Amino acid sequence: MDAVAKIAEERIKQAMANGEFTNLSGAGKPIEFEDETWIPEELRLAYRFLKNAGCIPPELELKNEIITLRDLIETIDDDKEKIRRLRELNFKIMRFNMMRERPLNLEAFPDYEQRLFEKKG
């Protein structure tokens, strides 16, 4: 065991002896892990640090933009503006797919998926 691990282990033992781990919120409840399968394995630790620092990865920011834009499109009455926003949405989805190792699952956007099928038919 290296020196850092020994120091950490000693501090944990001290904290346990002092009762610092009693009555913690969430005690006795299972830990809920976030789904990180969309993040490449070699980037997960870095993304976790960024998240804890209040930053979000570009893929997540773009996904949020896609969701917001999809909701905005449903409120637009002007056909020209709606077409412009749909093109913007398609571009963002394409960019999102290029950033990821696997494509965006349209099941996460069922309304948009249905409109695509209606447009093809």
PDB file of N, CA and C in Angstrom:
ATOM      1  N   MET A   1       0.856  -1.174   0.000  1.00  0.00           N
ATOM      2  CA  MET A   1       0.000   0.000   0.000  1.00  0.00           C
ATOM      3  C   MET A   1       0.907   1.242   0.000  1.00  0.00           C
ATOM      4  N   ASP A   2       0.598   2.195  -0.875  1.00  0.00           N
ATOM      5  CA  ASP A   2       1.433   3.394  -0.943  1.00  0.00           C
ATOM      6  C   ASP A   2       1.079   4.363   0.194  1.00  0.00           C
ATOM      7  N   ALA A   3       1.884   5.411   0.327  1.00  0.00           N
ATOM      8  CA  ALA A   3       1.746   6.348   1.446  1.00  0.00           C
ATOM      9  C   ALA A   3       0.400   7.082   1.435  1.00  0.00           C
ATOM     10  N   VAL A   4      -0.058   7.474   0.276  1.00  0.00           N
ATOM     11  CA  VAL A   4      -1.321   8.202   0.178  1.00  0.00           C
ATOM     12  C   VAL A   4      -2.479   7.311   0.629  1.00  0.00           C
ATOM     13  N   ALA A   5      -2.466   6.071   0.211  1.00  0.00           N
ATOM     14  CA  ALA A   5      -3.526   5.140   0.602  1.00  0.00           C
ATOM     15  C   ALA A   5      -3.504   4.882   2.104  1.00  0.00           C
ATOM     16  N   LYS A   6      -2.309   4.787   2.676  1.00  0.00           N
ATOM     17  CA  LYS A   6      -2.193   4.580   4.131  1.00  0.00           C
ATOM     18  C   LYS A   6      -2.749   5.776   4.902  1.00  0.00           C
ATOM     19  N   ILE A   7      -2.416   6.984   4.432  1.00  0.00           N
ATOM     20  CA  ILE A   7      -2.913   8.199   5.085  1.00  0.00           C
ATOM     21  C   ILE A   7      -4.436   8.261   4.992  1.00  0.00           C
ATOM     22  N   ALA A   8      -4.955   7.969   3.819  1.00  0.00           N
ATOM     23  CA  ALA A   8      -6.404   7.989   3.634  1.00  0.00           C
ATOM     24  C   ALA A   8      -7.072   6.961   4.542  1.00  0.00           C
ATOM     25  N   GLU A   9      -6.509   5.773   4.597  1.00  0.00           N
ATOM     26  CA  GLU A   9      -7.073   4.717   5.442  1.00  0.00           C
ATOM     27  C   GLU A   9      -7.066   5.128   6.917  1.00  0.00           C
ATOM     28  N   GLU A  10      -5.998   5.747   7.371  1.00  0.00           N
ATOM     29  CA  GLU A  10      -5.912   6.206   8.764  1.00  0.00           C
ATOM     30  C   GLU A  10      -6.951   7.287   9.056  1.00  0.00           C
ATOM     31  N   ARG A  11      -7.130   8.217   8.129  1.00  0.00           N
ATOM     32  CA  ARG A  11      -8.119   9.284   8.334  1.00  0.00           C
ATOM     33  C   ARG A  11      -9.537   8.727   8.364  1.00  0.00           C
ATOM     34  N   ILE A  12      -9.808   7.745   7.537  1.00  0.00           N
ATOM     35  CA  ILE A  12     -11.129   7.110   7.549  1.00  0.00           C
ATOM     36  C   ILE A  12     -11.367   6.424   8.885  1.00  0.00           C
ATOM     37  N   LYS A  13     -10.359   5.701   9.377  1.00  0.00           N
ATOM     38  CA  LYS A  13     -10.484   5.021  10.678  1.00  0.00           C
ATOM     39  C   LYS A  13     -10.713   6.033  11.798  1.00  0.00           C
ATOM     40  N   GLN A  14      -9.985   7.163  11.747  1.00  0.00           N
ATOM     41  CA  GLN A  14     -10.170   8.217  12.752  1.00  0.00           C
ATOM     42  C   GLN A  14     -11.579   8.776  12.705  1.00  0.00           C
ATOM     43  N   ALA A  15     -12.073   9.057  11.503  1.00  0.00           N
ATOM     44  CA  ALA A  15     -13.416   9.620  11.343  1.00  0.00           C
ATOM     45  C   ALA A  15     -14.466   8.641  11.846  1.00  0.00           C
ATOM     46  N   MET A  16     -14.275   7.353  11.587  1.00  0.00           N
ATOM     47  CA  MET A  16     -15.216   6.339  12.068  1.00  0.00           C
ATOM     48  C   MET A  16     -15.210   6.301  13.596  1.00  0.00           C
ATOM     49  N   ALA A  17     -14.012   6.369  14.186  1.00  0.00           N
ATOM     50  CA  ALA A  17     -13.898   6.342  15.643  1.00  0.00           C
ATOM     51  C   ALA A  17     -14.547   7.579  16.274  1.00  0.00           C
ATOM     52  N   ASN A  18     -14.472   8.715  15.584  1.00  0.00           N
ATOM     53  CA  ASN A  18     -15.066   9.962  16.084  1.00  0.00           C
ATOM     54  C   ASN A  18     -16.568  10.043  15.804  1.00  0.00           C
ATOM     55  N   GLY A  19     -17.113   9.064  15.086  1.00  0.00           N
ATOM     56  CA  GLY A  19     -18.544   9.046  14.791  1.00  0.00           C
ATOM     57  C   GLY A  19     -18.966   9.997  13.691  1.00  0.00           C
ATOM     58  N   GLU A  20     -18.043  10.386  12.845  1.00  0.00           N
ATOM     59  CA  GLU A  20     -18.357  11.344  11.789  1.00  0.00           C
ATOM     60  C   GLU A  20     -19.188  10.729  10.660  1.00  0.00           C
ATOM     61  N   PHE A  21     -19.296   9.417  10.613  1.00  0.00           N
ATOM     62  CA  PHE A  21     -20.073   8.767   9.563  1.00  0.00           C
ATOM     63  C   PHE A  21     -21.460   8.341  10.039  1.00  0.00           C
ATOM     64  N   THR A  22     -21.816   8.680  11.257  1.00  0.00           N
ATOM     65  CA  THR A  22     -23.143   8.326  11.755  1.00  0.00           C
ATOM     66  C   THR A  22     -24.131   9.428  11.397  1.00  0.00           C
ATOM     67  N   ASN A  23     -25.361   9.038  11.189  1.00  0.00           N
ATOM     68  CA  ASN A  23     -26.452   9.969  10.867  1.00  0.00           C
ATOM     69  C   ASN A  23     -26.216  10.779   9.591  1.00  0.00           C
ATOM     70  N   LEU A  24     -25.583  10.183   8.606  1.00  0.00           N
ATOM     71  CA  LEU A  24     -25.404  10.855   7.320  1.00  0.00           C
ATOM     72  C   LEU A  24     -26.698  10.732   6.518  1.00  0.00           C
ATOM     73  N   SER A  25     -26.971  11.748   5.704  1.00  0.00           N
ATOM     74  CA  SER A  25     -28.167  11.651   4.857  1.00  0.00           C
ATOM     75  C   SER A  25     -27.956  10.529   3.844  1.00  0.00           C
ATOM     76  N   GLY A  26     -28.999   9.758   3.638  1.00  0.00           N
ATOM     77  CA  GLY A  26     -28.910   8.651   2.687  1.00  0.00           C
ATOM     78  C   GLY A  26     -28.345   7.384   3.287  1.00  0.00           C
ATOM     79  N   ALA A  27     -28.074   7.380   4.592  1.00  0.00           N
ATOM     80  CA  ALA A  27     -27.525   6.184   5.242  1.00  0.00           C
ATOM     81  C   ALA A  27     -28.515   5.036   5.133  1.00  0.00           C
ATOM     82  N   GLY A  28     -28.035   3.881   4.757  1.00  0.00           N
ATOM     83  CA  GLY A  28     -28.876   2.700   4.639  1.00  0.00           C
ATOM     84  C   GLY A  28     -29.643   2.609   3.336  1.00  0.00           C
ATOM     85  N   LYS A  29     -29.503   3.604   2.475  1.00  0.00           N
ATOM     86  CA  LYS A  29     -30.191   3.598   1.185  1.00  0.00           C
ATOM     87  C   LYS A  29     -29.190   3.229   0.093  1.00  0.00           C
ATOM     88  N   PRO A  30     -29.663   2.559  -0.961  1.00  0.00           N
ATOM     89  CA  PRO A  30     -28.735   2.203  -2.045  1.00  0.00           C
ATOM     90  C   PRO A  30     -28.248   3.452  -2.781  1.00  0.00           C
ATOM     91  N   ILE A  31     -27.035   3.398  -3.246  1.00  0.00           N
ATOM     92  CA  ILE A  31     -26.458   4.500  -4.017  1.00  0.00           C
ATOM     93  C   ILE A  31     -27.028   4.437  -5.425  1.00  0.00           C
ATOM     94  N   GLU A  32     -27.501   5.565  -5.927  1.00  0.00           N
ATOM     95  CA  GLU A  32     -28.023   5.627  -7.284  1.00  0.00           C
ATOM     96  C   GLU A  32     -26.920   6.149  -8.203  1.00  0.00           C
ATOM     97  N   PHE A  33     -26.450   5.272  -9.077  1.00  0.00           N
ATOM     98  CA  PHE A  33     -25.412   5.651 -10.022  1.00  0.00           C
ATOM     99  C   PHE A  33     -26.054   6.197 -11.285  1.00  0.00           C
ATOM    100  N   GLU A  34     -25.426   7.199 -11.857  1.00  0.00           N
ATOM    101  CA  GLU A  34     -25.937   7.776 -13.087  1.00  0.00           C
ATOM    102  C   GLU A  34     -25.525   6.907 -14.268  1.00  0.00           C
ATOM    103  N   ASP A  35     -26.345   6.938 -15.306  1.00  0.00           N
ATOM    104  CA  ASP A  35     -26.043   6.188 -16.514  1.00  0.00           C
ATOM    105  C   ASP A  35     -24.944   6.916 -17.281  1.00  0.00           C
ATOM    106  N   GLU A  36     -23.782   6.317 -17.312  1.00  0.00           N
ATOM    107  CA  GLU A  36     -22.644   6.923 -18.012  1.00  0.00           C
ATOM    108  C   GLU A  36     -22.238   6.102 -19.227  1.00  0.00           C
ATOM    109  N   THR A  37     -23.141   5.254 -19.712  1.00  0.00           N
ATOM    110  CA  THR A  37     -22.794   4.391 -20.836  1.00  0.00           C
ATOM    111  C   THR A  37     -22.540   5.177 -22.112  1.00  0.00           C
ATOM    112  N   TRP A  38     -23.092   6.376 -22.219  1.00  0.00           N
ATOM    113  CA  TRP A  38     -22.892   7.183 -23.422  1.00  0.00           C
ATOM    114  C   TRP A  38     -21.534   7.871 -23.424  1.00  0.00           C
ATOM    115  N   ILE A  39     -20.846   7.872 -22.273  1.00  0.00           N
ATOM    116  CA  ILE A  39     -19.525   8.500 -22.166  1.00  0.00           C
ATOM    117  C   ILE A  39     -18.465   7.432 -22.408  1.00  0.00           C
ATOM    118  N   PRO A  40     -17.528   7.673 -23.321  1.00  0.00           N
ATOM    119  CA  PRO A  40     -16.450   6.703 -23.516  1.00  0.00           C
ATOM    120  C   PRO A  40     -15.735   6.436 -22.191  1.00  0.00           C
ATOM    121  N   GLU A  41     -15.358   5.191 -21.953  1.00  0.00           N
ATOM    122  CA  GLU A  41     -14.805   4.780 -20.666  1.00  0.00           C
ATOM    123  C   GLU A  41     -13.598   5.612 -20.243  1.00  0.00           C
ATOM    124  N   GLU A  42     -12.759   5.981 -21.198  1.00  0.00           N
ATOM    125  CA  GLU A  42     -11.557   6.734 -20.850  1.00  0.00           C
ATOM    126  C   GLU A  42     -11.846   8.186 -20.470  1.00  0.00           C
ATOM    127  N   LEU A  43     -13.074   8.662 -20.723  1.00  0.00           N
ATOM    128  CA  LEU A  43     -13.436  10.041 -20.393  1.00  0.00           C
ATOM    129  C   LEU A  43     -14.336  10.161 -19.164  1.00  0.00           C
ATOM    130  N   ARG A  44     -14.812   9.046 -18.624  1.00  0.00           N
ATOM    131  CA  ARG A  44     -15.792   9.093 -17.534  1.00  0.00           C
ATOM    132  C   ARG A  44     -15.274   9.823 -16.298  1.00  0.00           C
ATOM    133  N   LEU A  45     -14.058   9.556 -15.896  1.00  0.00           N
ATOM    134  CA  LEU A  45     -13.511  10.203 -14.706  1.00  0.00           C
ATOM    135  C   LEU A  45     -13.398  11.712 -14.914  1.00  0.00           C
ATOM    136  N   ALA A  46     -12.907  12.110 -16.082  1.00  0.00           N
ATOM    137  CA  ALA A  46     -12.771  13.542 -16.381  1.00  0.00           C
ATOM    138  C   ALA A  46     -14.143  14.221 -16.396  1.00  0.00           C
ATOM    139  N   TYR A  47     -15.147  13.554 -16.970  1.00  0.00           N
ATOM    140  CA  TYR A  47     -16.485  14.124 -17.018  1.00  0.00           C
ATOM    141  C   TYR A  47     -17.079  14.240 -15.621  1.00  0.00           C
ATOM    142  N   ARG A  48     -16.783  13.276 -14.767  1.00  0.00           N
ATOM    143  CA  ARG A  48     -17.285  13.342 -13.395  1.00  0.00           C
ATOM    144  C   ARG A  48     -16.694  14.557 -12.679  1.00  0.00           C
ATOM    145  N   PHE A  49     -15.383  14.807 -12.893  1.00  0.00           N
ATOM    146  CA  PHE A  49     -14.742  15.987 -12.295  1.00  0.00           C
ATOM    147  C   PHE A  49     -15.390  17.267 -12.821  1.00  0.00           C
ATOM    148  N   LEU A  50     -15.617  17.324 -14.132  1.00  0.00           N
ATOM    149  CA  LEU A  50     -16.247  18.506 -14.716  1.00  0.00           C
ATOM    150  C   LEU A  50     -17.651  18.723 -14.156  1.00  0.00           C
ATOM    151  N   LYS A  51     -18.396  17.636 -14.007  1.00  0.00           N
ATOM    152  CA  LYS A  51     -19.752  17.747 -13.475  1.00  0.00           C
ATOM    153  C   LYS A  51     -19.729  18.271 -12.049  1.00  0.00           C
ATOM    154  N   ASN A  52     -18.821  17.747 -11.239  1.00  0.00           N
ATOM    155  CA  ASN A  52     -18.712  18.203  -9.852  1.00  0.00           C
ATOM    156  C   ASN A  52     -18.284  19.661  -9.775  1.00  0.00           C
ATOM    157  N   ALA A  53     -17.590  20.143 -10.791  1.00  0.00           N
ATOM    158  CA  ALA A  53     -17.150  21.538 -10.826  1.00  0.00           C
ATOM    159  C   ALA A  53     -18.224  22.453 -11.422  1.00  0.00           C
ATOM    160  N   GLY A  54     -19.366  21.873 -11.810  1.00  0.00           N
ATOM    161  CA  GLY A  54     -20.443  22.688 -12.358  1.00  0.00           C
ATOM    162  C   GLY A  54     -20.394  22.843 -13.860  1.00  0.00           C
ATOM    163  N   CYS A  55     -19.521  22.113 -14.523  1.00  0.00           N
ATOM    164  CA  CYS A  55     -19.427  22.159 -15.987  1.00  0.00           C
ATOM    165  C   CYS A  55     -20.103  20.915 -16.548  1.00  0.00           C
ATOM    166  N   ILE A  56     -20.638  21.027 -17.752  1.00  0.00           N
ATOM    167  CA  ILE A  56     -21.193  19.837 -18.377  1.00  0.00           C
ATOM    168  C   ILE A  56     -20.456  19.579 -19.685  1.00  0.00           C
ATOM    169  N   PRO A  57     -20.347  18.318 -20.070  1.00  0.00           N
ATOM    170  CA  PRO A  57     -19.639  17.990 -21.314  1.00  0.00           C
ATOM    171  C   PRO A  57     -20.400  18.514 -22.531  1.00  0.00           C
ATOM    172  N   PRO A  58     -19.686  18.758 -23.614  1.00  0.00           N
ATOM    173  CA  PRO A  58     -20.322  19.308 -24.811  1.00  0.00           C
ATOM    174  C   PRO A  58     -21.463  18.436 -25.332  1.00  0.00           C
ATOM    175  N   GLU A  59     -21.331  17.114 -25.224  1.00  0.00           N
ATOM    176  CA  GLU A  59     -22.382  16.223 -25.708  1.00  0.00           C
ATOM    177  C   GLU A  59     -23.677  16.438 -24.933  1.00  0.00           C
ATOM    178  N   LEU A  60     -23.562  16.584 -23.623  1.00  0.00           N
ATOM    179  CA  LEU A  60     -24.752  16.779 -22.795  1.00  0.00           C
ATOM    180  C   LEU A  60     -25.369  18.149 -23.051  1.00  0.00           C
ATOM    181  N   GLU A  61     -24.529  19.148 -23.228  1.00  0.00           N
ATOM    182  CA  GLU A  61     -25.026  20.485 -23.537  1.00  0.00           C
ATOM    183  C   GLU A  61     -25.787  20.474 -24.861  1.00  0.00           C
ATOM    184  N   LEU A  62     -25.235  19.778 -25.857  1.00  0.00           N
ATOM    185  CA  LEU A  62     -25.894  19.684 -27.157  1.00  0.00           C
ATOM    186  C   LEU A  62     -27.197  18.892 -27.049  1.00  0.00           C
ATOM    187  N   LYS A  63     -27.205  17.837 -26.238  1.00  0.00           N
ATOM    188  CA  LYS A  63     -28.433  17.062 -26.038  1.00  0.00           C
ATOM    189  C   LYS A  63     -29.513  17.939 -25.410  1.00  0.00           C
ATOM    190  N   ASN A  64     -29.133  18.769 -24.451  1.00  0.00           N
ATOM    191  CA  ASN A  64     -30.095  19.693 -23.835  1.00  0.00           C
ATOM    192  C   ASN A  64     -30.630  20.700 -24.851  1.00  0.00           C
ATOM    193  N   GLU A  65     -29.751  21.168 -25.747  1.00  0.00           N
ATOM    194  CA  GLU A  65     -30.183  22.093 -26.802  1.00  0.00           C
ATOM    195  C   GLU A  65     -31.180  21.416 -27.739  1.00  0.00           C
ATOM    196  N   ILE A  66     -30.934  20.141 -28.048  1.00  0.00           N
ATOM    197  CA  ILE A  66     -31.834  19.386 -28.923  1.00  0.00           C
ATOM    198  C   ILE A  66     -33.218  19.276 -28.285  1.00  0.00           C
ATOM    199  N   ILE A  67     -33.253  18.943 -27.009  1.00  0.00           N
ATOM    200  CA  ILE A  67     -34.529  18.805 -26.313  1.00  0.00           C
ATOM    201  C   ILE A  67     -35.271  20.138 -26.270  1.00  0.00           C
ATOM    202  N   THR A  68     -34.554  21.218 -25.966  1.00  0.00           N
ATOM    203  CA  THR A  68     -35.164  22.543 -25.905  1.00  0.00           C
ATOM    204  C   THR A  68     -35.680  22.976 -27.269  1.00  0.00           C
ATOM    205  N   LEU A  69     -34.883  22.740 -28.314  1.00  0.00           N
ATOM    206  CA  LEU A  69     -35.276  23.118 -29.665  1.00  0.00           C
ATOM    207  C   LEU A  69     -36.495  22.316 -30.119  1.00  0.00           C
ATOM    208  N   ARG A  70     -36.541  21.043 -29.777  1.00  0.00           N
ATOM    209  CA  ARG A  70     -37.692  20.204 -30.127  1.00  0.00           C
ATOM    210  C   ARG A  70     -38.968  20.759 -29.492  1.00  0.00           C
ATOM    211  N   ASP A  71     -38.865  21.158 -28.227  1.00  0.00           N
ATOM    212  CA  ASP A  71     -40.027  21.733 -27.543  1.00  0.00           C
ATOM    213  C   ASP A  71     -40.425  23.076 -28.158  1.00  0.00           C
ATOM    214  N   LEU A  72     -39.435  23.869 -28.563  1.00  0.00           N
ATOM    215  CA  LEU A  72     -39.707  25.163 -29.183  1.00  0.00           C
ATOM    216  C   LEU A  72     -40.435  24.991 -30.511  1.00  0.00           C
ATOM    217  N   ILE A  73     -40.010  24.009 -31.294  1.00  0.00           N
ATOM    218  CA  ILE A  73     -40.611  23.779 -32.612  1.00  0.00           C
ATOM    219  C   ILE A  73     -42.102  23.507 -32.496  1.00  0.00           C
ATOM    220  N   GLU A  74     -42.507  22.836 -31.442  1.00  0.00           N
ATOM    221  CA  GLU A  74     -43.932  22.516 -31.267  1.00  0.00           C
ATOM    222  C   GLU A  74     -44.779  23.758 -31.011  1.00  0.00           C
ATOM    223  N   THR A  75     -44.158  24.852 -30.603  1.00  0.00           N
ATOM    224  CA  THR A  75     -44.925  26.071 -30.307  1.00  0.00           C
ATOM    225  C   THR A  75     -44.962  27.045 -31.482  1.00  0.00           C
ATOM    226  N   ILE A  76     -44.207  26.781 -32.543  1.00  0.00           N
ATOM    227  CA  ILE A  76     -44.101  27.718 -33.671  1.00  0.00           C
ATOM    228  C   ILE A  76     -45.256  27.495 -34.650  1.00  0.00           C
ATOM    229  N   ASP A  77     -45.915  28.587 -35.037  1.00  0.00           N
ATOM    230  CA  ASP A  77     -47.017  28.520 -36.000  1.00  0.00           C
ATOM    231  C   ASP A  77     -46.571  28.846 -37.423  1.00  0.00           C
ATOM    232  N   ASP A  78     -45.571  29.708 -37.566  1.00  0.00           N
ATOM    233  CA  ASP A  78     -45.080  30.134 -38.872  1.00  0.00           C
ATOM    234  C   ASP A  78     -44.329  28.983 -39.543  1.00  0.00           C
ATOM    235  N   ASP A  79     -44.786  28.580 -40.748  1.00  0.00           N
ATOM    236  CA  ASP A  79     -44.199  27.429 -41.436  1.00  0.00           C
ATOM    237  C   ASP A  79     -42.725  27.636 -41.793  1.00  0.00           C
ATOM    238  N   LYS A  80     -42.390  28.839 -42.272  1.00  0.00           N
ATOM    239  CA  LYS A  80     -40.995  29.094 -42.657  1.00  0.00           C
ATOM    240  C   LYS A  80     -40.067  29.006 -41.442  1.00  0.00           C
ATOM    241  N   GLU A  81     -40.505  29.583 -40.335  1.00  0.00           N
ATOM    242  CA  GLU A  81     -39.702  29.539 -39.106  1.00  0.00           C
ATOM    243  C   GLU A  81     -39.597  28.101 -38.589  1.00  0.00           C
ATOM    244  N   LYS A  82     -40.679  27.360 -38.707  1.00  0.00           N
ATOM    245  CA  LYS A  82     -40.685  25.968 -38.253  1.00  0.00           C
ATOM    246  C   LYS A  82     -39.701  25.128 -39.076  1.00  0.00           C
ATOM    247  N   ILE A  83     -39.694  25.344 -40.391  1.00  0.00           N
ATOM    248  CA  ILE A  83     -38.763  24.618 -41.270  1.00  0.00           C
ATOM    249  C   ILE A  83     -37.326  24.976 -40.929  1.00  0.00           C
ATOM    250  N   ARG A  84     -37.090  26.265 -40.688  1.00  0.00           N
ATOM    251  CA  ARG A  84     -35.730  26.705 -40.328  1.00  0.00           C
ATOM    252  C   ARG A  84     -35.279  26.032 -39.031  1.00  0.00           C
ATOM    253  N   ARG A  85     -36.165  25.968 -38.049  1.00  0.00           N
ATOM    254  CA  ARG A  85     -35.828  25.346 -36.763  1.00  0.00           C
ATOM    255  C   ARG A  85     -35.681  23.830 -36.900  1.00  0.00           C
ATOM    256  N   LEU A  86     -36.479  23.196 -37.781  1.00  0.00           N
ATOM    257  CA  LEU A  86     -36.323  21.759 -38.012  1.00  0.00           C
ATOM    258  C   LEU A  86     -34.970  21.452 -38.637  1.00  0.00           C
ATOM    259  N   ARG A  87     -34.535  22.313 -39.555  1.00  0.00           N
ATOM    260  CA  ARG A  87     -33.196  22.136 -40.157  1.00  0.00           C
ATOM    261  C   ARG A  87     -32.113  22.292 -39.090  1.00  0.00           C
ATOM    262  N   GLU A  88     -32.295  23.262 -38.215  1.00  0.00           N
ATOM    263  CA  GLU A  88     -31.350  23.460 -37.115  1.00  0.00           C
ATOM    264  C   GLU A  88     -31.333  22.238 -36.196  1.00  0.00           C
ATOM    265  N   LEU A  89     -32.510  21.686 -35.916  1.00  0.00           N
ATOM    266  CA  LEU A  89     -32.606  20.485 -35.090  1.00  0.00           C
ATOM    267  C   LEU A  89     -31.903  19.305 -35.760  1.00  0.00           C
ATOM    268  N   ASN A  90     -32.128  19.122 -37.057  1.00  0.00           N
ATOM    269  CA  ASN A  90     -31.459  18.034 -37.779  1.00  0.00           C
ATOM    270  C   ASN A  90     -29.947  18.192 -37.734  1.00  0.00           C
ATOM    271  N   PHE A  91     -29.475  19.425 -37.897  1.00  0.00           N
ATOM    272  CA  PHE A  91     -28.034  19.677 -37.848  1.00  0.00           C
ATOM    273  C   PHE A  91     -27.471  19.343 -36.467  1.00  0.00           C
ATOM    274  N   LYS A  92     -28.183  19.739 -35.411  1.00  0.00           N
ATOM    275  CA  LYS A  92     -27.711  19.461 -34.052  1.00  0.00           C
ATOM    276  C   LYS A  92     -27.699  17.961 -33.769  1.00  0.00           C
ATOM    277  N   ILE A  93     -28.711  17.246 -34.245  1.00  0.00           N
ATOM    278  CA  ILE A  93     -28.734  15.788 -34.061  1.00  0.00           C
ATOM    279  C   ILE A  93     -27.576  15.150 -34.816  1.00  0.00           C
ATOM    280  N   MET A  94     -27.305  15.621 -36.028  1.00  0.00           N
ATOM    281  CA  MET A  94     -26.180  15.094 -36.801  1.00  0.00           C
ATOM    282  C   MET A  94     -24.855  15.362 -36.073  1.00  0.00           C
ATOM    283  N   ARG A  95     -24.700  16.577 -35.564  1.00  0.00           N
ATOM    284  CA  ARG A  95     -23.483  16.917 -34.812  1.00  0.00           C
ATOM    285  C   ARG A  95     -23.345  16.056 -33.566  1.00  0.00           C
ATOM    286  N   PHE A  96     -24.470  15.854 -32.880  1.00  0.00           N
ATOM    287  CA  PHE A  96     -24.481  15.021 -31.682  1.00  0.00           C
ATOM    288  C   PHE A  96     -24.056  13.594 -32.015  1.00  0.00           C
ATOM    289  N   ASN A  97     -24.581  13.057 -33.105  1.00  0.00           N
ATOM    290  CA  ASN A  97     -24.223  11.699 -33.515  1.00  0.00           C
ATOM    291  C   ASN A  97     -22.741  11.586 -33.869  1.00  0.00           C
ATOM    292  N   MET A  98     -22.192  12.631 -34.451  1.00  0.00           N
ATOM    293  CA  MET A  98     -20.775  12.609 -34.815  1.00  0.00           C
ATOM    294  C   MET A  98     -19.877  12.670 -33.578  1.00  0.00           C
ATOM    295  N   MET A  99     -20.369  13.278 -32.507  1.00  0.00           N
ATOM    296  CA  MET A  99     -19.583  13.384 -31.273  1.00  0.00           C
ATOM    297  C   MET A  99     -19.557  12.066 -30.511  1.00  0.00           C
ATOM    298  N   ARG A 100     -20.538  11.250 -30.735  1.00  0.00           N
ATOM    299  CA  ARG A 100     -20.683  10.012 -29.982  1.00  0.00           C
ATOM    300  C   ARG A 100     -20.189   8.826 -30.787  1.00  0.00           C
ATOM    301  N   GLU A 101     -19.908   7.740 -30.069  1.00  0.00           N
ATOM    302  CA  GLU A 101     -19.507   6.509 -30.733  1.00  0.00           C
ATOM    303  C   GLU A 101     -20.715   5.790 -31.315  1.00  0.00           C
ATOM    304  N   ARG A 102     -21.882   5.991 -30.710  1.00  0.00           N
ATOM    305  CA  ARG A 102     -23.103   5.378 -31.234  1.00  0.00           C
ATOM    306  C   ARG A 102     -24.119   6.482 -31.490  1.00  0.00           C
ATOM    307  N   PRO A 103     -25.005   6.286 -32.470  1.00  0.00           N
ATOM    308  CA  PRO A 103     -25.941   7.357 -32.822  1.00  0.00           C
ATOM    309  C   PRO A 103     -26.986   7.613 -31.746  1.00  0.00           C
ATOM    310  N   LEU A 104     -27.562   8.779 -31.819  1.00  0.00           N
ATOM    311  CA  LEU A 104     -28.625   9.185 -30.910  1.00  0.00           C
ATOM    312  C   LEU A 104     -29.821   8.275 -31.110  1.00  0.00           C
ATOM    313  N   ASN A 105     -30.377   7.805 -30.019  1.00  0.00           N
ATOM    314  CA  ASN A 105     -31.540   6.948 -30.071  1.00  0.00           C
ATOM    315  C   ASN A 105     -32.779   7.829 -30.170  1.00  0.00           C
ATOM    316  N   LEU A 106     -33.459   7.753 -31.292  1.00  0.00           N
ATOM    317  CA  LEU A 106     -34.627   8.610 -31.484  1.00  0.00           C
ATOM    318  C   LEU A 106     -35.780   8.230 -30.574  1.00  0.00           C
ATOM    319  N   GLU A 107     -35.704   7.072 -29.922  1.00  0.00           N
ATOM    320  CA  GLU A 107     -36.747   6.710 -28.975  1.00  0.00           C
ATOM    321  C   GLU A 107     -36.779   7.692 -27.807  1.00  0.00           C
ATOM    322  N   ALA A 108     -35.666   8.397 -27.585  1.00  0.00           N
ATOM    323  CA  ALA A 108     -35.634   9.415 -26.538  1.00  0.00           C
ATOM    324  C   ALA A 108     -36.446  10.635 -26.959  1.00  0.00           C
ATOM    325  N   PHE A 109     -36.754  10.733 -28.252  1.00  0.00           N
ATOM    326  CA  PHE A 109     -37.534  11.838 -28.805  1.00  0.00           C
ATOM    327  C   PHE A 109     -38.698  11.252 -29.600  1.00  0.00           C
ATOM    328  N   PRO A 110     -39.676  10.623 -28.948  1.00  0.00           N
ATOM    329  CA  PRO A 110     -40.728   9.910 -29.682  1.00  0.00           C
ATOM    330  C   PRO A 110     -41.545  10.800 -30.619  1.00  0.00           C
ATOM    331  N   ASP A 111     -41.791  12.056 -30.253  1.00  0.00           N
ATOM    332  CA  ASP A 111     -42.571  12.937 -31.124  1.00  0.00           C
ATOM    333  C   ASP A 111     -41.829  13.200 -32.427  1.00  0.00           C
ATOM    334  N   TYR A 112     -40.549  13.444 -32.318  1.00  0.00           N
ATOM    335  CA  TYR A 112     -39.737  13.731 -33.495  1.00  0.00           C
ATOM    336  C   TYR A 112     -39.633  12.494 -34.373  1.00  0.00           C
ATOM    337  N   GLU A 113     -39.464  11.334 -33.752  1.00  0.00           N
ATOM    338  CA  GLU A 113     -39.373  10.075 -34.494  1.00  0.00           C
ATOM    339  C   GLU A 113     -40.646   9.851 -35.303  1.00  0.00           C
ATOM    340  N   GLN A 114     -41.798  10.083 -34.686  1.00  0.00           N
ATOM    341  CA  GLN A 114     -43.081   9.888 -35.365  1.00  0.00           C
ATOM    342  C   GLN A 114     -43.189  10.832 -36.552  1.00  0.00           C
ATOM    343  N   ARG A 115     -42.771  12.080 -36.404  1.00  0.00           N
ATOM    344  CA  ARG A 115     -42.839  13.034 -37.512  1.00  0.00           C
ATOM    345  C   ARG A 115     -41.962  12.616 -38.671  1.00  0.00           C
ATOM    346  N   LEU A 116     -40.802  12.002 -38.378  1.00  0.00           N
ATOM    347  CA  LEU A 116     -39.934  11.515 -39.431  1.00  0.00           C
ATOM    348  C   LEU A 116     -40.613  10.407 -40.234  1.00  0.00           C
ATOM    349  N   PHE A 117     -41.260   9.490 -39.523  1.00  0.00           N
ATOM    350  CA  PHE A 117     -41.952   8.400 -40.207  1.00  0.00           C
ATOM    351  C   PHE A 117     -43.114   8.927 -41.052  1.00  0.00           C
ATOM    352  N   GLU A 118     -43.837   9.898 -40.539  1.00  0.00           N
ATOM    353  CA  GLU A 118     -44.949  10.491 -41.292  1.00  0.00           C
ATOM    354  C   GLU A 118     -44.437  11.204 -42.534  1.00  0.00           C
ATOM    355  N   LYS A 119     -43.279  11.837 -42.427  1.00  0.00           N
ATOM    356  CA  LYS A 119     -42.703  12.579 -43.553  1.00  0.00           C
ATOM    357  C   LYS A 119     -42.264  11.628 -44.661  1.00  0.00           C
ATOM    358  N   LYS A 120     -41.725  10.434 -44.281  1.00  0.00           N
ATOM    359  CA  LYS A 120     -41.279   9.450 -45.266  1.00  0.00           C
ATOM    360  C   LYS A 120     -42.453   8.856 -46.034  1.00  0.00           C
ATOM    361  N   GLY A 121     -43.576   8.661 -45.315  1.00  0.00           N
ATOM    362  CA  GLY A 121     -44.732   7.963 -45.906  1.00  0.00           C
ATOM    363  C   GLY A 121     -45.569   8.807 -46.766  1.00  0.00           C
TER     364      GLY A 121
END
